[in-house]
Amino acid sequence: MIIKSTPISASESKEYFGKEHENLKSFINKFTELNAKQSKDFREKLEALNLMKLNEKNISKVIDIMPSTLEEMNKIFTDISLDENEANKILDIVKQFE
């Protein structure tokens, strides 16, 4: 039974796999640049921005995709529009983890 569903990034999900899931971890490593600790730090910095438009789902997408331009950022935030200042704050944090 699922009690709570919380979006997490692919790199954060690796810490929930045991030794029997090494193949899955290896597969995820092909698509992620960060380890679980880096992803958690990344999430904390994004949450610290206190942007009302930035929810857990969007934060997970930012961590997974690591957008480097405003155009890439706009592909993540299709349901809302970030102003340039908000987008630049997010991009500044992304640059810290590249």
N, C-alpha and C. Protein backbone atom coordinates (compact mmCIF):
# COMPACT_ATOMS: atom_id res chain seq x y z
N MET A 1 0.84 -1.17 0.00
CA MET A 1 0.00 0.00 0.00
C MET A 1 0.89 1.24 0.00
N ILE A 2 0.57 2.19 -0.87
CA ILE A 2 1.31 3.45 -0.93
C ILE A 2 0.69 4.41 0.07
N ILE A 3 1.51 4.90 0.98
CA ILE A 3 1.04 5.84 1.99
C ILE A 3 1.26 7.27 1.54
N LYS A 4 2.41 7.54 0.93
CA LYS A 4 2.74 8.89 0.50
C LYS A 4 3.58 8.81 -0.77
N SER A 5 3.32 9.69 -1.68
CA SER A 5 4.07 9.75 -2.92
C SER A 5 4.78 11.10 -2.99
N THR A 6 6.10 11.07 -3.08
CA THR A 6 6.90 12.28 -3.14
C THR A 6 7.83 12.21 -4.34
N PRO A 7 7.74 13.17 -5.25
CA PRO A 7 8.65 13.15 -6.40
C PRO A 7 10.11 13.33 -5.96
N ILE A 8 10.98 12.49 -6.51
CA ILE A 8 12.42 12.63 -6.28
C ILE A 8 13.12 12.49 -7.62
N SER A 9 14.33 12.97 -7.66
CA SER A 9 15.10 12.88 -8.89
C SER A 9 15.64 11.46 -9.06
N ALA A 10 16.08 11.15 -10.26
CA ALA A 10 16.64 9.83 -10.53
C ALA A 10 17.86 9.58 -9.67
N SER A 11 18.71 10.59 -9.52
CA SER A 11 19.92 10.38 -8.72
C SER A 11 19.60 10.19 -7.24
N GLU A 12 18.55 10.81 -6.74
CA GLU A 12 18.14 10.60 -5.35
C GLU A 12 17.57 9.19 -5.16
N SER A 13 16.98 8.64 -6.19
CA SER A 13 16.35 7.32 -6.08
C SER A 13 17.37 6.21 -5.87
N LYS A 14 18.62 6.43 -6.29
CA LYS A 14 19.65 5.39 -6.18
C LYS A 14 19.88 4.93 -4.74
N GLU A 15 19.68 5.80 -3.78
CA GLU A 15 19.94 5.42 -2.40
C GLU A 15 18.89 4.45 -1.85
N TYR A 16 17.80 4.26 -2.55
CA TYR A 16 16.75 3.35 -2.10
C TYR A 16 16.91 1.93 -2.66
N PHE A 17 17.89 1.74 -3.52
CA PHE A 17 18.11 0.43 -4.11
C PHE A 17 19.15 -0.34 -3.32
N GLY A 18 18.90 -1.62 -3.12
CA GLY A 18 19.86 -2.48 -2.42
C GLY A 18 20.86 -3.07 -3.40
N LYS A 19 21.67 -3.96 -2.89
CA LYS A 19 22.70 -4.60 -3.71
C LYS A 19 22.10 -5.41 -4.85
N GLU A 20 20.89 -5.90 -4.66
CA GLU A 20 20.25 -6.70 -5.70
C GLU A 20 19.81 -5.86 -6.90
N HIS A 21 19.91 -4.54 -6.78
CA HIS A 21 19.51 -3.64 -7.86
C HIS A 21 20.69 -2.89 -8.48
N GLU A 22 21.86 -3.50 -8.45
CA GLU A 22 23.06 -2.85 -9.00
C GLU A 22 22.90 -2.53 -10.49
N ASN A 23 22.21 -3.39 -11.23
CA ASN A 23 21.99 -3.13 -12.65
C ASN A 23 21.15 -1.86 -12.85
N LEU A 24 20.16 -1.69 -12.00
CA LEU A 24 19.32 -0.50 -12.08
C LEU A 24 20.11 0.76 -11.73
N LYS A 25 20.94 0.67 -10.70
CA LYS A 25 21.80 1.80 -10.33
C LYS A 25 22.73 2.16 -11.48
N SER A 26 23.30 1.16 -12.10
CA SER A 26 24.21 1.38 -13.22
C SER A 26 23.49 2.05 -14.37
N PHE A 27 22.27 1.62 -14.63
CA PHE A 27 21.47 2.22 -15.69
C PHE A 27 21.18 3.69 -15.39
N ILE A 28 20.79 4.00 -14.17
CA ILE A 28 20.49 5.39 -13.78
C ILE A 28 21.74 6.25 -13.87
N ASN A 29 22.90 5.69 -13.53
CA ASN A 29 24.16 6.44 -13.60
C ASN A 29 24.47 6.91 -15.01
N LYS A 30 23.97 6.21 -16.02
CA LYS A 30 24.19 6.62 -17.41
C LYS A 30 23.48 7.93 -17.73
N PHE A 31 22.43 8.26 -16.96
CA PHE A 31 21.62 9.43 -17.26
C PHE A 31 21.72 10.54 -16.22
N THR A 32 22.43 10.30 -15.15
CA THR A 32 22.54 11.29 -14.09
C THR A 32 23.99 11.67 -13.87
N GLU A 33 24.21 12.91 -13.49
CA GLU A 33 25.56 13.40 -13.25
C GLU A 33 25.88 13.48 -11.76
N LEU A 34 24.84 13.49 -10.93
CA LEU A 34 25.03 13.72 -9.50
C LEU A 34 24.81 12.44 -8.70
N ASN A 35 25.44 12.40 -7.53
CA ASN A 35 25.15 11.30 -6.61
C ASN A 35 23.99 11.74 -5.70
N ALA A 36 23.53 10.85 -4.84
CA ALA A 36 22.36 11.14 -4.01
C ALA A 36 22.61 12.33 -3.08
N LYS A 37 23.79 12.43 -2.49
CA LYS A 37 24.07 13.55 -1.57
C LYS A 37 24.07 14.88 -2.32
N GLN A 38 24.71 14.91 -3.48
CA GLN A 38 24.72 16.13 -4.27
C GLN A 38 23.30 16.55 -4.66
N SER A 39 22.48 15.57 -5.00
CA SER A 39 21.10 15.86 -5.38
C SER A 39 20.30 16.42 -4.21
N LYS A 40 20.53 15.89 -3.02
CA LYS A 40 19.85 16.40 -1.84
C LYS A 40 20.28 17.84 -1.55
N ASP A 41 21.58 18.11 -1.68
CA ASP A 41 22.08 19.47 -1.48
C ASP A 41 21.47 20.42 -2.52
N PHE A 42 21.40 19.95 -3.75
CA PHE A 42 20.81 20.70 -4.86
C PHE A 42 19.35 21.03 -4.52
N ARG A 43 18.60 20.01 -4.08
CA ARG A 43 17.19 20.20 -3.73
C ARG A 43 17.05 21.23 -2.61
N GLU A 44 17.89 21.13 -1.59
CA GLU A 44 17.82 22.07 -0.47
C GLU A 44 18.05 23.50 -0.92
N LYS A 45 19.00 23.70 -1.83
CA LYS A 45 19.28 25.05 -2.33
C LYS A 45 18.11 25.59 -3.15
N LEU A 46 17.49 24.71 -3.95
CA LEU A 46 16.34 25.16 -4.73
C LEU A 46 15.15 25.48 -3.82
N GLU A 47 14.94 24.65 -2.81
CA GLU A 47 13.86 24.90 -1.87
C GLU A 47 14.09 26.19 -1.09
N ALA A 48 15.36 26.50 -0.81
CA ALA A 48 15.70 27.71 -0.04
C ALA A 48 15.38 28.99 -0.81
N LEU A 49 15.18 28.88 -2.12
CA LEU A 49 14.80 30.06 -2.90
C LEU A 49 13.40 30.55 -2.52
N ASN A 50 12.59 29.65 -1.97
CA ASN A 50 11.23 29.97 -1.55
C ASN A 50 10.40 30.56 -2.68
N LEU A 51 10.54 29.99 -3.87
CA LEU A 51 9.73 30.43 -5.00
C LEU A 51 8.40 29.67 -4.95
N MET A 52 7.31 30.38 -4.90
CA MET A 52 6.00 29.75 -4.80
C MET A 52 5.70 28.86 -6.02
N LYS A 53 6.26 29.20 -7.16
CA LYS A 53 6.00 28.46 -8.39
C LYS A 53 6.79 27.16 -8.46
N LEU A 54 7.76 27.00 -7.60
CA LEU A 54 8.68 25.86 -7.65
C LEU A 54 8.18 24.77 -6.69
N ASN A 55 7.60 23.69 -7.25
CA ASN A 55 7.11 22.60 -6.41
C ASN A 55 8.07 21.41 -6.47
N GLU A 56 7.77 20.37 -5.70
CA GLU A 56 8.67 19.20 -5.61
C GLU A 56 8.87 18.53 -6.97
N LYS A 57 7.81 18.46 -7.75
CA LYS A 57 7.90 17.83 -9.07
C LYS A 57 8.85 18.62 -9.97
N ASN A 58 8.71 19.94 -9.98
CA ASN A 58 9.58 20.78 -10.81
C ASN A 58 11.02 20.73 -10.34
N ILE A 59 11.22 20.70 -9.03
CA ILE A 59 12.57 20.61 -8.49
C ILE A 59 13.24 19.31 -8.95
N SER A 60 12.50 18.21 -8.91
CA SER A 60 13.05 16.93 -9.36
C SER A 60 13.42 16.98 -10.83
N LYS A 61 12.60 17.64 -11.63
CA LYS A 61 12.90 17.76 -13.06
C LYS A 61 14.15 18.61 -13.29
N VAL A 62 14.29 19.68 -12.53
CA VAL A 62 15.49 20.53 -12.66
C VAL A 62 16.73 19.72 -12.33
N ILE A 63 16.67 18.93 -11.26
CA ILE A 63 17.82 18.12 -10.86
C ILE A 63 18.14 17.08 -11.93
N ASP A 64 17.14 16.46 -12.50
CA ASP A 64 17.36 15.43 -13.53
C ASP A 64 17.90 16.02 -14.83
N ILE A 65 17.34 17.14 -15.25
CA ILE A 65 17.68 17.70 -16.57
C ILE A 65 18.86 18.65 -16.53
N MET A 66 19.07 19.31 -15.40
CA MET A 66 20.17 20.27 -15.25
C MET A 66 20.17 21.31 -16.39
N PRO A 67 19.10 22.08 -16.51
CA PRO A 67 19.03 23.05 -17.62
C PRO A 67 20.12 24.10 -17.51
N SER A 68 20.67 24.51 -18.64
CA SER A 68 21.74 25.51 -18.62
C SER A 68 21.34 26.81 -19.29
N THR A 69 20.16 26.83 -19.89
CA THR A 69 19.68 28.05 -20.57
C THR A 69 18.22 28.32 -20.19
N LEU A 70 17.78 29.52 -20.47
CA LEU A 70 16.38 29.87 -20.22
C LEU A 70 15.45 29.03 -21.08
N GLU A 71 15.87 28.71 -22.30
CA GLU A 71 15.04 27.89 -23.19
C GLU A 71 14.83 26.49 -22.61
N GLU A 72 15.90 25.91 -22.09
CA GLU A 72 15.78 24.59 -21.46
C GLU A 72 14.90 24.67 -20.22
N MET A 73 15.03 25.75 -19.49
CA MET A 73 14.22 25.95 -18.29
C MET A 73 12.74 26.03 -18.65
N ASN A 74 12.42 26.71 -19.72
CA ASN A 74 11.03 26.85 -20.14
C ASN A 74 10.41 25.52 -20.55
N LYS A 75 11.22 24.57 -20.97
CA LYS A 75 10.71 23.25 -21.32
C LYS A 75 10.29 22.46 -20.09
N ILE A 76 10.89 22.77 -18.96
CA ILE A 76 10.52 22.12 -17.71
C ILE A 76 9.25 22.73 -17.14
N PHE A 77 9.19 24.05 -17.16
CA PHE A 77 8.07 24.76 -16.57
C PHE A 77 7.04 25.11 -17.64
N THR A 78 6.35 24.10 -18.13
CA THR A 78 5.37 24.32 -19.20
C THR A 78 4.02 24.78 -18.66
N ASP A 79 3.71 24.42 -17.41
CA ASP A 79 2.41 24.77 -16.85
C ASP A 79 2.40 26.12 -16.13
N ILE A 80 3.57 26.68 -15.88
CA ILE A 80 3.68 28.00 -15.24
C ILE A 80 4.72 28.81 -16.00
N SER A 81 4.72 30.09 -15.75
CA SER A 81 5.76 30.91 -16.38
C SER A 81 6.60 31.57 -15.28
N LEU A 82 7.88 31.32 -15.36
CA LEU A 82 8.82 31.96 -14.45
C LEU A 82 9.23 33.30 -15.05
N ASP A 83 9.37 34.30 -14.20
CA ASP A 83 9.92 35.54 -14.73
C ASP A 83 11.43 35.36 -14.86
N GLU A 84 12.06 36.26 -15.53
CA GLU A 84 13.50 36.12 -15.81
C GLU A 84 14.33 36.04 -14.53
N ASN A 85 13.95 36.80 -13.52
CA ASN A 85 14.67 36.80 -12.25
C ASN A 85 14.59 35.42 -11.58
N GLU A 86 13.39 34.84 -11.55
CA GLU A 86 13.22 33.52 -10.94
C GLU A 86 14.03 32.46 -11.70
N ALA A 87 13.94 32.50 -13.01
CA ALA A 87 14.67 31.53 -13.84
C ALA A 87 16.18 31.67 -13.63
N ASN A 88 16.67 32.89 -13.56
CA ASN A 88 18.11 33.10 -13.37
C ASN A 88 18.59 32.62 -12.00
N LYS A 89 17.74 32.75 -10.98
CA LYS A 89 18.10 32.24 -9.66
C LYS A 89 18.27 30.73 -9.70
N ILE A 90 17.37 30.06 -10.41
CA ILE A 90 17.45 28.60 -10.54
C ILE A 90 18.70 28.22 -11.34
N LEU A 91 18.94 28.92 -12.44
CA LEU A 91 20.11 28.63 -13.28
C LEU A 91 21.41 28.85 -12.52
N ASP A 92 21.44 29.84 -11.65
CA ASP A 92 22.64 30.08 -10.84
C ASP A 92 22.94 28.88 -9.93
N ILE A 93 21.90 28.28 -9.39
CA ILE A 93 22.11 27.10 -8.55
C ILE A 93 22.52 25.90 -9.39
N VAL A 94 21.93 25.75 -10.56
CA VAL A 94 22.32 24.66 -11.47
C VAL A 94 23.81 24.74 -11.78
N LYS A 95 24.30 25.94 -12.03
CA LYS A 95 25.72 26.13 -12.36
C LYS A 95 26.64 25.67 -11.24
N GLN A 96 26.18 25.76 -10.00
CA GLN A 96 26.98 25.32 -8.86
C GLN A 96 27.19 23.81 -8.87
N PHE A 97 26.31 23.08 -9.54
CA PHE A 97 26.36 21.61 -9.52
C PHE A 97 26.81 21.00 -10.83
N GLU A 98 27.18 21.81 -11.79
CA GLU A 98 27.64 21.29 -13.09
C GLU A 98 29.04 20.74 -12.98
